Amino acid sequence: METRVAVISLIVTQPEAVEELNAILHTYIIGRMGLPYRQKNVNIICVAVDAPQDIISAMSGKLGLLAGVNTKTVYSNVIAKE
């Protein structure tokens, strides 16, 4: 199986989306950074993942469907076989 490293960036405007967001992300996370931006009432989350490209794409798609969540994904050129 080939995996890729990617970064999924999220802007969360509805705090009630966080529980479902965490349930989607928990499996393939390498690291995560979250920044509350209280002045704008948003949370900014950046998640590094290592997974097959189709899994990353599916995760990003599911996250983007959550109410109050906007997402963008950036893929590395590094492809590794496991």
C-alpha atoms as a PDB file:
ATOM      1  CA  MET A   1       0.000   0.000   0.000  1.00  0.00           C
ATOM      2  CA  GLU A   2       1.289   3.468  -0.884  1.00  0.00           C
ATOM      3  CA  THR A   3       0.842   6.318   1.580  1.00  0.00           C
ATOM      4  CA  ARG A   4       1.343  10.045   1.284  1.00  0.00           C
ATOM      5  CA  VAL A   5       1.989  12.761   3.787  1.00  0.00           C
ATOM      6  CA  ALA A   6      -0.528  15.589   3.649  1.00  0.00           C
ATOM      7  CA  VAL A   7      -1.676  18.580   5.646  1.00  0.00           C
ATOM      8  CA  ILE A   8      -5.370  19.237   6.158  1.00  0.00           C
ATOM      9  CA  SER A   9      -6.151  22.801   7.200  1.00  0.00           C
ATOM     10  CA  LEU A  10      -9.502  23.541   8.783  1.00  0.00           C
ATOM     11  CA  ILE A  11     -11.410  26.636   9.803  1.00  0.00           C
ATOM     12  CA  VAL A  12     -14.116  25.767  12.337  1.00  0.00           C
ATOM     13  CA  THR A  13     -16.866  28.319  12.955  1.00  0.00           C
ATOM     14  CA  GLN A  14     -19.257  26.038  14.871  1.00  0.00           C
ATOM     15  CA  PRO A  15     -17.777  24.453  18.023  1.00  0.00           C
ATOM     16  CA  GLU A  16     -20.382  21.674  18.012  1.00  0.00           C
ATOM     17  CA  ALA A  17     -18.670  20.238  14.890  1.00  0.00           C
ATOM     18  CA  VAL A  18     -15.451  19.452  16.797  1.00  0.00           C
ATOM     19  CA  GLU A  19     -16.563  16.102  18.257  1.00  0.00           C
ATOM     20  CA  GLU A  20     -17.449  14.659  14.835  1.00  0.00           C
ATOM     21  CA  LEU A  21     -14.315  16.251  13.339  1.00  0.00           C
ATOM     22  CA  ASN A  22     -12.137  14.437  15.908  1.00  0.00           C
ATOM     23  CA  ALA A  23     -13.901  11.140  15.213  1.00  0.00           C
ATOM     24  CA  ILE A  24     -13.043  11.428  11.500  1.00  0.00           C
ATOM     25  CA  LEU A  25      -9.395  12.407  12.029  1.00  0.00           C
ATOM     26  CA  HIS A  26      -8.203  10.166  14.857  1.00  0.00           C
ATOM     27  CA  THR A  27      -6.729   7.258  12.842  1.00  0.00           C
ATOM     28  CA  TYR A  28      -4.021   8.710  10.585  1.00  0.00           C
ATOM     29  CA  ILE A  29      -2.798  11.783  12.484  1.00  0.00           C
ATOM     30  CA  ILE A  30       0.947  12.453  12.670  1.00  0.00           C
ATOM     31  CA  GLY A  31       0.456  15.757  14.510  1.00  0.00           C
ATOM     32  CA  ARG A  32      -2.065  18.497  15.084  1.00  0.00           C
ATOM     33  CA  MET A  33      -2.000  22.200  15.909  1.00  0.00           C
ATOM     34  CA  GLY A  34      -5.047  24.190  16.916  1.00  0.00           C
ATOM     35  CA  LEU A  35      -5.358  27.925  17.359  1.00  0.00           C
ATOM     36  CA  PRO A  36      -8.443  29.560  18.827  1.00  0.00           C
ATOM     37  CA  TYR A  37      -9.000  32.968  17.232  1.00  0.00           C
ATOM     38  CA  ARG A  38     -11.379  34.413  19.787  1.00  0.00           C
ATOM     39  CA  GLN A  39     -11.680  37.849  18.178  1.00  0.00           C
ATOM     40  CA  LYS A  40     -13.309  36.235  15.129  1.00  0.00           C
ATOM     41  CA  ASN A  41     -14.981  33.310  16.954  1.00  0.00           C
ATOM     42  CA  VAL A  42     -13.211  30.703  14.827  1.00  0.00           C
ATOM     43  CA  ASN A  43     -10.763  27.885  15.478  1.00  0.00           C
ATOM     44  CA  ILE A  44      -7.917  27.192  13.068  1.00  0.00           C
ATOM     45  CA  ILE A  45      -6.699  23.603  12.965  1.00  0.00           C
ATOM     46  CA  CYS A  46      -3.821  22.131  10.986  1.00  0.00           C
ATOM     47  CA  VAL A  47      -3.470  18.353  10.883  1.00  0.00           C
ATOM     48  CA  ALA A  48      -0.576  16.353   9.397  1.00  0.00           C
ATOM     49  CA  VAL A  49      -1.599  12.879   8.203  1.00  0.00           C
ATOM     50  CA  ASP A  50       0.091   9.844   6.645  1.00  0.00           C
ATOM     51  CA  ALA A  51      -2.350   7.623   4.752  1.00  0.00           C
ATOM     52  CA  PRO A  52      -3.260   6.354   1.286  1.00  0.00           C
ATOM     53  CA  GLN A  53      -4.298   9.227  -0.981  1.00  0.00           C
ATOM     54  CA  ASP A  54      -7.876   7.963  -1.348  1.00  0.00           C
ATOM     55  CA  ILE A  55      -8.267   7.858   2.453  1.00  0.00           C
ATOM     56  CA  ILE A  56      -6.931  11.413   2.805  1.00  0.00           C
ATOM     57  CA  SER A  57      -9.258  12.623   0.075  1.00  0.00           C
ATOM     58  CA  ALA A  58     -12.245  10.885   1.689  1.00  0.00           C
ATOM     59  CA  MET A  59     -11.394  12.337   5.128  1.00  0.00           C
ATOM     60  CA  SER A  60     -11.065  15.826   3.689  1.00  0.00           C
ATOM     61  CA  GLY A  61     -14.376  15.445   1.875  1.00  0.00           C
ATOM     62  CA  LYS A  62     -16.185  14.260   5.019  1.00  0.00           C
ATOM     63  CA  LEU A  63     -14.705  17.123   7.033  1.00  0.00           C
ATOM     64  CA  GLY A  64     -15.786  19.654   4.408  1.00  0.00           C
ATOM     65  CA  LEU A  65     -19.382  18.396   4.660  1.00  0.00           C
ATOM     66  CA  LEU A  66     -19.589  19.182   8.377  1.00  0.00           C
ATOM     67  CA  ALA A  67     -21.600  22.302   9.179  1.00  0.00           C
ATOM     68  CA  GLY A  68     -19.294  25.158  10.121  1.00  0.00           C
ATOM     69  CA  VAL A  69     -16.107  23.514   8.814  1.00  0.00           C
ATOM     70  CA  ASN A  70     -14.057  24.659   5.798  1.00  0.00           C
ATOM     71  CA  THR A  71     -11.097  22.551   4.696  1.00  0.00           C
ATOM     72  CA  LYS A  72      -8.191  22.494   2.258  1.00  0.00           C
ATOM     73  CA  THR A  73      -5.676  19.700   1.761  1.00  0.00           C
ATOM     74  CA  VAL A  74      -2.095  19.919   0.544  1.00  0.00           C
ATOM     75  CA  TYR A  75      -0.249  16.738  -0.493  1.00  0.00           C
ATOM     76  CA  SER A  76       3.500  16.134  -0.388  1.00  0.00           C
ATOM     77  CA  ASN A  77       5.343  14.585  -3.326  1.00  0.00           C
ATOM     78  CA  VAL A  78       6.645  11.871  -0.994  1.00  0.00           C
ATOM     79  CA  ILE A  79       4.984   8.518  -1.667  1.00  0.00           C
ATOM     80  CA  ALA A  80       6.020   5.612   0.559  1.00  0.00           C
ATOM     81  CA  LYS A  81       5.211   1.924   0.343  1.00  0.00           C
ATOM     82  CA  GLU A  82       4.206   0.208   3.552  1.00  0.00           C
END
